Structures are given as C-alpha cells and as structure tokens.
Amino acid sequence: MLGLKSETPKEWAKIVLKDLEIFLTDHAYNEMKAAQSAMAVINHQPNDMEFVNTMSALAIEEMQHFEMVYEKIRALDMKLGNETQNEYAMQLRKFFPKTKDVKEKFLQKLMLSSLMEARSCERFSVLVAEMKTVYPELAQFYDDLFESEARHYRVFLEYARKYGGRERIDEIWDKLLTYEAGIITKRGNKPLVHG
C-alpha cells in the first residue's frame, strides 16, 4: 500500500519505548511541520479551489493531530520539550537538485511531504506491534493514525502527479523511494519518528 522500498526494523520500536517522551515530542512537532507544509503549498495553486480546500483541511487535521499527541504527552505526565532538527528530512531534500524554478520546488515539496507521511505511517505500524502490551491506549491511538497518515501520503502524491504529469512524477518517485531506502537503513537508532 505504501510502496516503500525498505522496512523499519522492530528494534527501532524498542528504542522508542525506552525514550517515549522524546518520541512523543518529536511526533508532535512533526505534526506541526506537516500542517505548515500543507499551508505553504497553497500559495502555488491558489486558484485551484479543490487543492486549496484539500490542503487547508489537511493542515487543520495535522494540527488536530498535534493537539492529540500533546494530550498524550500531558496524560503521561510528560513535557512537550524542544523541537529537534529533522535530519531525515534534510537528507531527503538532498535528493533533488537545487533549483530556482518555482514549479519544480512545489513538486518537490509535494513529493517530500508524501514520502514523509508514508514513512511515518509505516513507522507507526511497527510501533503499534511493540507497544500493544505496554501502552495499549497509545497503541490504539497510533493504529488509528495509520489511516489518516496513509491518506495524506496519497493526497500529496496525487497532487504531484496532477501538476507534474503522472509519468514524470512516477519516474522521479521511484528514484526517490530508492534513495530514501538507502537513508532509512542507516537510521532507526534514535527515538524519533524518522530517527
């Protein structure tokens, strides 16, 4: 369903459970960044009402996810903590050549957002399996998020295909997935969503 070219090792989930507060903080900020990304791309297609409505609704949903994660943090008597740099996102951006072409930057943002949603979705499924016995309510929360994250992945990718041409975007997408697989296999040792 997600089409990723690598899987997260189960050991990553064990690392997360040892530092759950760090993970939840990272997840909360990732939801905030996802909302910001959805809002930022609206400017590229302001006259496409369907696109504006979809991205606006997606941004609102991502902020609702932020609030839900923050509620989990409070319920566990933890603190939100400080945002950390997303090294995974920084590495993904290196896949694309630098460009001043506004449309290309827009398509890149859509594909990067799609891939980060897909990887988050995959990571949540790995986490749920490990978390069920220790934090059943939190496991259910992440299980419920799976569908939403998967939908966001599809939305971003479909708009990239719409505005960039399906054949061209699918060719780039396949190469991006291969590149990402190389990155993610070197990760999984930190209690971060993409760590």
C-alpha atoms as a PDB file:
ATOM      1  CA  MET A   1       0.000   0.000   0.000  1.00  0.00           C
ATOM      2  CA  LEU A   2       2.772   2.469   0.856  1.00  0.00           C
ATOM      3  CA  GLY A   3       5.251   1.300  -1.768  1.00  0.00           C
ATOM      4  CA  LEU A   4       8.303   1.958   0.402  1.00  0.00           C
ATOM      5  CA  LYS A   5      11.448   0.075  -0.587  1.00  0.00           C
ATOM      6  CA  SER A   6      12.646  -0.711   2.933  1.00  0.00           C
ATOM      7  CA  GLU A   7      11.150  -1.641   6.268  1.00  0.00           C
ATOM      8  CA  THR A   8      11.813  -0.257   9.706  1.00  0.00           C
ATOM      9  CA  PRO A   9      13.449  -2.847  11.974  1.00  0.00           C
ATOM     10  CA  LYS A  10      11.448  -3.830  15.056  1.00  0.00           C
ATOM     11  CA  GLU A  11      14.384  -2.790  17.219  1.00  0.00           C
ATOM     12  CA  TRP A  12      13.508   0.852  16.462  1.00  0.00           C
ATOM     13  CA  ALA A  13      10.224   0.478  18.359  1.00  0.00           C
ATOM     14  CA  LYS A  14      12.104  -0.824  21.398  1.00  0.00           C
ATOM     15  CA  ILE A  15      14.330   2.258  21.295  1.00  0.00           C
ATOM     16  CA  VAL A  16      11.217   4.450  21.160  1.00  0.00           C
ATOM     17  CA  LEU A  17       9.665   2.750  24.182  1.00  0.00           C
ATOM     18  CA  LYS A  18      12.811   3.428  26.215  1.00  0.00           C
ATOM     19  CA  ASP A  19      12.578   7.171  25.425  1.00  0.00           C
ATOM     20  CA  LEU A  20       8.867   7.659  24.808  1.00  0.00           C
ATOM     21  CA  GLU A  21       8.871  11.305  25.874  1.00  0.00           C
ATOM     22  CA  ILE A  22      11.459  12.197  23.220  1.00  0.00           C
ATOM     23  CA  PHE A  23       9.468  10.308  20.597  1.00  0.00           C
ATOM     24  CA  LEU A  24       6.170  11.979  21.500  1.00  0.00           C
ATOM     25  CA  THR A  25       7.810  15.405  21.426  1.00  0.00           C
ATOM     26  CA  ASP A  26       9.283  14.665  18.004  1.00  0.00           C
ATOM     27  CA  HIS A  27       5.945  13.367  16.765  1.00  0.00           C
ATOM     28  CA  ALA A  28       4.091  16.459  17.985  1.00  0.00           C
ATOM     29  CA  TYR A  29       6.492  18.774  16.172  1.00  0.00           C
ATOM     30  CA  ASN A  30       6.321  16.626  13.028  1.00  0.00           C
ATOM     31  CA  GLU A  31       2.556  17.104  13.001  1.00  0.00           C
ATOM     32  CA  MET A  32       3.055  20.856  13.309  1.00  0.00           C
ATOM     33  CA  LYS A  33       5.569  20.839  10.434  1.00  0.00           C
ATOM     34  CA  ALA A  34       3.168  18.779   8.319  1.00  0.00           C
ATOM     35  CA  ALA A  35       0.456  21.393   8.897  1.00  0.00           C
ATOM     36  CA  GLN A  36       2.890  24.147   7.915  1.00  0.00           C
ATOM     37  CA  SER A  37       3.852  22.256   4.761  1.00  0.00           C
ATOM     38  CA  ALA A  38       0.231  21.858   3.728  1.00  0.00           C
ATOM     39  CA  MET A  39      -0.383  25.564   4.221  1.00  0.00           C
ATOM     40  CA  ALA A  40       2.816  26.542   2.394  1.00  0.00           C
ATOM     41  CA  VAL A  41       1.921  24.750  -0.842  1.00  0.00           C
ATOM     42  CA  ILE A  42      -1.462  26.504  -1.129  1.00  0.00           C
ATOM     43  CA  ASN A  43       0.317  29.572  -2.485  1.00  0.00           C
ATOM     44  CA  HIS A  44       1.427  27.556  -5.528  1.00  0.00           C
ATOM     45  CA  GLN A  45      -2.105  26.796  -6.720  1.00  0.00           C
ATOM     46  CA  PRO A  46      -4.342  29.462  -5.125  1.00  0.00           C
ATOM     47  CA  ASN A  47      -6.925  29.333  -7.907  1.00  0.00           C
ATOM     48  CA  ASP A  48      -7.490  25.584  -7.696  1.00  0.00           C
ATOM     49  CA  MET A  49     -10.351  25.528  -5.189  1.00  0.00           C
ATOM     50  CA  GLU A  50     -10.201  21.770  -4.714  1.00  0.00           C
ATOM     51  CA  PHE A  51      -6.470  21.942  -3.962  1.00  0.00           C
ATOM     52  CA  VAL A  52      -6.879  24.864  -1.540  1.00  0.00           C
ATOM     53  CA  ASN A  53      -9.764  23.145   0.250  1.00  0.00           C
ATOM     54  CA  THR A  54      -7.877  19.843   0.473  1.00  0.00           C
ATOM     55  CA  MET A  55      -4.652  21.380   1.764  1.00  0.00           C
ATOM     56  CA  SER A  56      -6.485  23.615   4.209  1.00  0.00           C
ATOM     57  CA  ALA A  57      -8.395  20.647   5.617  1.00  0.00           C
ATOM     58  CA  LEU A  58      -5.188  18.604   5.759  1.00  0.00           C
ATOM     59  CA  ALA A  59      -3.396  21.375   7.669  1.00  0.00           C
ATOM     60  CA  ILE A  60      -6.253  21.576  10.172  1.00  0.00           C
ATOM     61  CA  GLU A  61      -6.191  17.799  10.604  1.00  0.00           C
ATOM     62  CA  GLU A  62      -2.429  17.848  11.183  1.00  0.00           C
ATOM     63  CA  MET A  63      -2.835  20.495  13.893  1.00  0.00           C
ATOM     64  CA  GLN A  64      -5.553  18.345  15.450  1.00  0.00           C
ATOM     65  CA  HIS A  65      -3.012  15.507  15.464  1.00  0.00           C
ATOM     66  CA  PHE A  66      -0.537  17.835  17.171  1.00  0.00           C
ATOM     67  CA  GLU A  67      -3.122  18.532  19.861  1.00  0.00           C
ATOM     68  CA  MET A  68      -3.894  14.821  20.240  1.00  0.00           C
ATOM     69  CA  VAL A  69      -0.205  13.964  20.665  1.00  0.00           C
ATOM     70  CA  TYR A  70       0.171  16.807  23.129  1.00  0.00           C
ATOM     71  CA  GLU A  71      -2.772  15.410  25.105  1.00  0.00           C
ATOM     72  CA  LYS A  72      -0.990  12.047  25.254  1.00  0.00           C
ATOM     73  CA  ILE A  73       2.150  13.787  26.497  1.00  0.00           C
ATOM     74  CA  ARG A  74       0.198  15.503  29.278  1.00  0.00           C
ATOM     75  CA  ALA A  75      -1.720  12.334  30.159  1.00  0.00           C
ATOM     76  CA  LEU A  76       1.590  10.531  30.669  1.00  0.00           C
ATOM     77  CA  ASP A  77       2.788  13.409  32.875  1.00  0.00           C
ATOM     78  CA  MET A  78       5.478  14.309  30.373  1.00  0.00           C
ATOM     79  CA  LYS A  79       6.558  17.639  28.876  1.00  0.00           C
ATOM     80  CA  LEU A  80       6.464  18.757  25.251  1.00  0.00           C
ATOM     81  CA  GLY A  81      10.134  19.652  25.199  1.00  0.00           C
ATOM     82  CA  ASN A  82      12.082  21.370  22.461  1.00  0.00           C
ATOM     83  CA  GLU A  83      11.902  20.746  18.760  1.00  0.00           C
ATOM     84  CA  THR A  84      14.876  18.992  17.194  1.00  0.00           C
ATOM     85  CA  GLN A  85      16.098  19.159  13.622  1.00  0.00           C
ATOM     86  CA  ASN A  86      14.685  16.513  11.343  1.00  0.00           C
ATOM     87  CA  GLU A  87      17.896  15.074   9.880  1.00  0.00           C
ATOM     88  CA  TYR A  88      15.860  12.621   7.805  1.00  0.00           C
ATOM     89  CA  ALA A  89      14.010  15.457   6.059  1.00  0.00           C
ATOM     90  CA  MET A  90      17.278  17.317   5.478  1.00  0.00           C
ATOM     91  CA  GLN A  91      18.802  14.211   3.890  1.00  0.00           C
ATOM     92  CA  LEU A  92      15.731  13.647   1.712  1.00  0.00           C
ATOM     93  CA  ARG A  93      15.923  17.198   0.351  1.00  0.00           C
ATOM     94  CA  LYS A  94      19.421  16.442  -0.955  1.00  0.00           C
ATOM     95  CA  PHE A  95      17.876  14.055  -3.482  1.00  0.00           C
ATOM     96  CA  PHE A  96      16.608  16.964  -5.527  1.00  0.00           C
ATOM     97  CA  PRO A  97      18.960  19.266  -7.417  1.00  0.00           C
ATOM     98  CA  LYS A  98      18.835  22.875  -6.301  1.00  0.00           C
ATOM     99  CA  THR A  99      16.529  24.903  -8.499  1.00  0.00           C
ATOM    100  CA  LYS A 100      15.061  28.363  -8.747  1.00  0.00           C
ATOM    101  CA  ASP A 101      12.108  27.017 -10.717  1.00  0.00           C
ATOM    102  CA  VAL A 102       9.069  27.681  -8.524  1.00  0.00           C
ATOM    103  CA  LYS A 103       7.001  24.868 -10.036  1.00  0.00           C
ATOM    104  CA  GLU A 104       9.813  22.343  -9.512  1.00  0.00           C
ATOM    105  CA  LYS A 105      10.180  23.414  -5.874  1.00  0.00           C
ATOM    106  CA  PHE A 106       6.421  22.974  -5.467  1.00  0.00           C
ATOM    107  CA  LEU A 107       6.500  19.449  -6.933  1.00  0.00           C
ATOM    108  CA  GLN A 108       9.476  18.581  -4.751  1.00  0.00           C
ATOM    109  CA  LYS A 109       7.600  19.752  -1.636  1.00  0.00           C
ATOM    110  CA  LEU A 110       4.599  17.614  -2.561  1.00  0.00           C
ATOM    111  CA  MET A 111       6.744  14.513  -3.097  1.00  0.00           C
ATOM    112  CA  LEU A 112       8.773  15.050   0.068  1.00  0.00           C
ATOM    113  CA  SER A 113       5.607  15.564   2.108  1.00  0.00           C
ATOM    114  CA  SER A 114       4.113  12.428   0.614  1.00  0.00           C
ATOM    115  CA  LEU A 115       7.175  10.343   1.413  1.00  0.00           C
ATOM    116  CA  MET A 116       7.441  11.623   4.982  1.00  0.00           C
ATOM    117  CA  GLU A 117       3.763  10.785   5.540  1.00  0.00           C
ATOM    118  CA  ALA A 118       4.294   7.297   4.110  1.00  0.00           C
ATOM    119  CA  ARG A 119       7.333   6.633   6.291  1.00  0.00           C
ATOM    120  CA  SER A 120       5.539   7.944   9.383  1.00  0.00           C
ATOM    121  CA  CYS A 121       2.653   5.628   8.602  1.00  0.00           C
ATOM    122  CA  GLU A 122       4.966   2.638   8.254  1.00  0.00           C
ATOM    123  CA  ARG A 123       6.788   3.535  11.458  1.00  0.00           C
ATOM    124  CA  PHE A 124       3.535   3.820  13.390  1.00  0.00           C
ATOM    125  CA  SER A 125       2.554   0.302  12.331  1.00  0.00           C
ATOM    126  CA  VAL A 126       5.896  -1.037  13.602  1.00  0.00           C
ATOM    127  CA  LEU A 127       5.427   0.860  16.855  1.00  0.00           C
ATOM    128  CA  VAL A 128       1.883  -0.417  17.423  1.00  0.00           C
ATOM    129  CA  ALA A 129       3.022  -4.041  17.315  1.00  0.00           C
ATOM    130  CA  GLU A 130       5.633  -3.415  20.004  1.00  0.00           C
ATOM    131  CA  MET A 131       3.518  -1.065  22.101  1.00  0.00           C
ATOM    132  CA  LYS A 132       0.292  -3.083  22.478  1.00  0.00           C
ATOM    133  CA  THR A 133       1.163  -4.799  25.737  1.00  0.00           C
ATOM    134  CA  VAL A 134       2.918  -1.876  27.431  1.00  0.00           C
ATOM    135  CA  TYR A 135       0.767   1.084  26.333  1.00  0.00           C
ATOM    136  CA  PRO A 136      -2.460  -0.350  24.857  1.00  0.00           C
ATOM    137  CA  GLU A 137      -4.258   3.010  24.695  1.00  0.00           C
ATOM    138  CA  LEU A 138      -1.314   4.672  22.989  1.00  0.00           C
ATOM    139  CA  ALA A 139      -1.015   1.704  20.615  1.00  0.00           C
ATOM    140  CA  GLN A 140      -4.652   2.188  19.638  1.00  0.00           C
ATOM    141  CA  PHE A 141      -4.011   5.889  19.064  1.00  0.00           C
ATOM    142  CA  TYR A 142      -1.165   5.110  16.655  1.00  0.00           C
ATOM    143  CA  ASP A 143      -3.178   2.394  14.985  1.00  0.00           C
ATOM    144  CA  ASP A 144      -5.952   4.942  14.397  1.00  0.00           C
ATOM    145  CA  LEU A 145      -3.460   7.450  12.940  1.00  0.00           C
ATOM    146  CA  PHE A 146      -2.341   4.942  10.312  1.00  0.00           C
ATOM    147  CA  GLU A 147      -5.341   5.547   8.050  1.00  0.00           C
ATOM    148  CA  SER A 148      -5.000   9.315   8.235  1.00  0.00           C
ATOM    149  CA  GLU A 149      -1.262   9.294   7.516  1.00  0.00           C
ATOM    150  CA  ALA A 150      -1.803   6.919   4.585  1.00  0.00           C
ATOM    151  CA  ARG A 151      -4.465   9.236   3.172  1.00  0.00           C
ATOM    152  CA  HIS A 152      -2.144  12.240   3.480  1.00  0.00           C
ATOM    153  CA  TYR A 153       0.597  10.320   1.652  1.00  0.00           C
ATOM    154  CA  ARG A 154      -1.810   9.624  -1.221  1.00  0.00           C
ATOM    155  CA  VAL A 155      -3.110  13.214  -1.342  1.00  0.00           C
ATOM    156  CA  PHE A 156       0.337  14.782  -1.657  1.00  0.00           C
ATOM    157  CA  LEU A 157       1.455  12.249  -4.272  1.00  0.00           C
ATOM    158  CA  GLU A 158      -1.712  12.577  -6.347  1.00  0.00           C
ATOM    159  CA  TYR A 159      -1.346  16.346  -6.489  1.00  0.00           C
ATOM    160  CA  ALA A 160       2.295  15.998  -7.536  1.00  0.00           C
ATOM    161  CA  ARG A 161       1.085  13.742 -10.356  1.00  0.00           C
ATOM    162  CA  LYS A 162      -1.671  16.175 -11.282  1.00  0.00           C
ATOM    163  CA  TYR A 163       0.614  19.192 -11.558  1.00  0.00           C
ATOM    164  CA  GLY A 164       3.800  17.466 -12.723  1.00  0.00           C
ATOM    165  CA  GLY A 165       2.447  14.734 -15.003  1.00  0.00           C
ATOM    166  CA  ARG A 166       1.917  11.211 -13.766  1.00  0.00           C
ATOM    167  CA  GLU A 167       4.599   9.525 -15.869  1.00  0.00           C
ATOM    168  CA  ARG A 168       7.280  12.056 -14.971  1.00  0.00           C
ATOM    169  CA  ILE A 169       6.408  12.128 -11.267  1.00  0.00           C
ATOM    170  CA  ASP A 170       6.239   8.330 -11.048  1.00  0.00           C
ATOM    171  CA  GLU A 171       9.732   8.098 -12.542  1.00  0.00           C
ATOM    172  CA  ILE A 172      11.089  10.609 -10.021  1.00  0.00           C
ATOM    173  CA  TRP A 173       9.076   8.971  -7.224  1.00  0.00           C
ATOM    174  CA  ASP A 174      10.611   5.563  -7.878  1.00  0.00           C
ATOM    175  CA  LYS A 175      14.117   7.030  -7.712  1.00  0.00           C
ATOM    176  CA  LEU A 176      13.210   8.982  -4.574  1.00  0.00           C
ATOM    177  CA  LEU A 177      11.952   5.784  -2.909  1.00  0.00           C
ATOM    178  CA  THR A 178      15.241   4.049  -3.717  1.00  0.00           C
ATOM    179  CA  TYR A 179      17.190   6.997  -2.339  1.00  0.00           C
ATOM    180  CA  GLU A 180      15.053   7.059   0.810  1.00  0.00           C
ATOM    181  CA  ALA A 181      15.573   3.332   1.365  1.00  0.00           C
ATOM    182  CA  GLY A 182      19.308   3.989   1.493  1.00  0.00           C
ATOM    183  CA  ILE A 183      18.805   6.721   4.061  1.00  0.00           C
ATOM    184  CA  ILE A 184      16.371   4.871   6.305  1.00  0.00           C
ATOM    185  CA  THR A 185      18.513   1.730   6.533  1.00  0.00           C
ATOM    186  CA  LYS A 186      21.144   3.867   8.281  1.00  0.00           C
ATOM    187  CA  ARG A 187      18.564   5.182  10.720  1.00  0.00           C
ATOM    188  CA  GLY A 188      16.398   3.527  13.350  1.00  0.00           C
ATOM    189  CA  ASN A 189      18.744   4.084  16.263  1.00  0.00           C
ATOM    190  CA  LYS A 190      17.050   7.150  17.768  1.00  0.00           C
ATOM    191  CA  PRO A 191      13.640   7.511  19.444  1.00  0.00           C
ATOM    192  CA  LEU A 192      12.379   9.824  16.700  1.00  0.00           C
ATOM    193  CA  VAL A 193       9.609   9.327  14.156  1.00  0.00           C
ATOM    194  CA  HIS A 194      12.214   9.265  11.400  1.00  0.00           C
ATOM    195  CA  GLY A 195      15.209   8.615  13.680  1.00  0.00           C
END
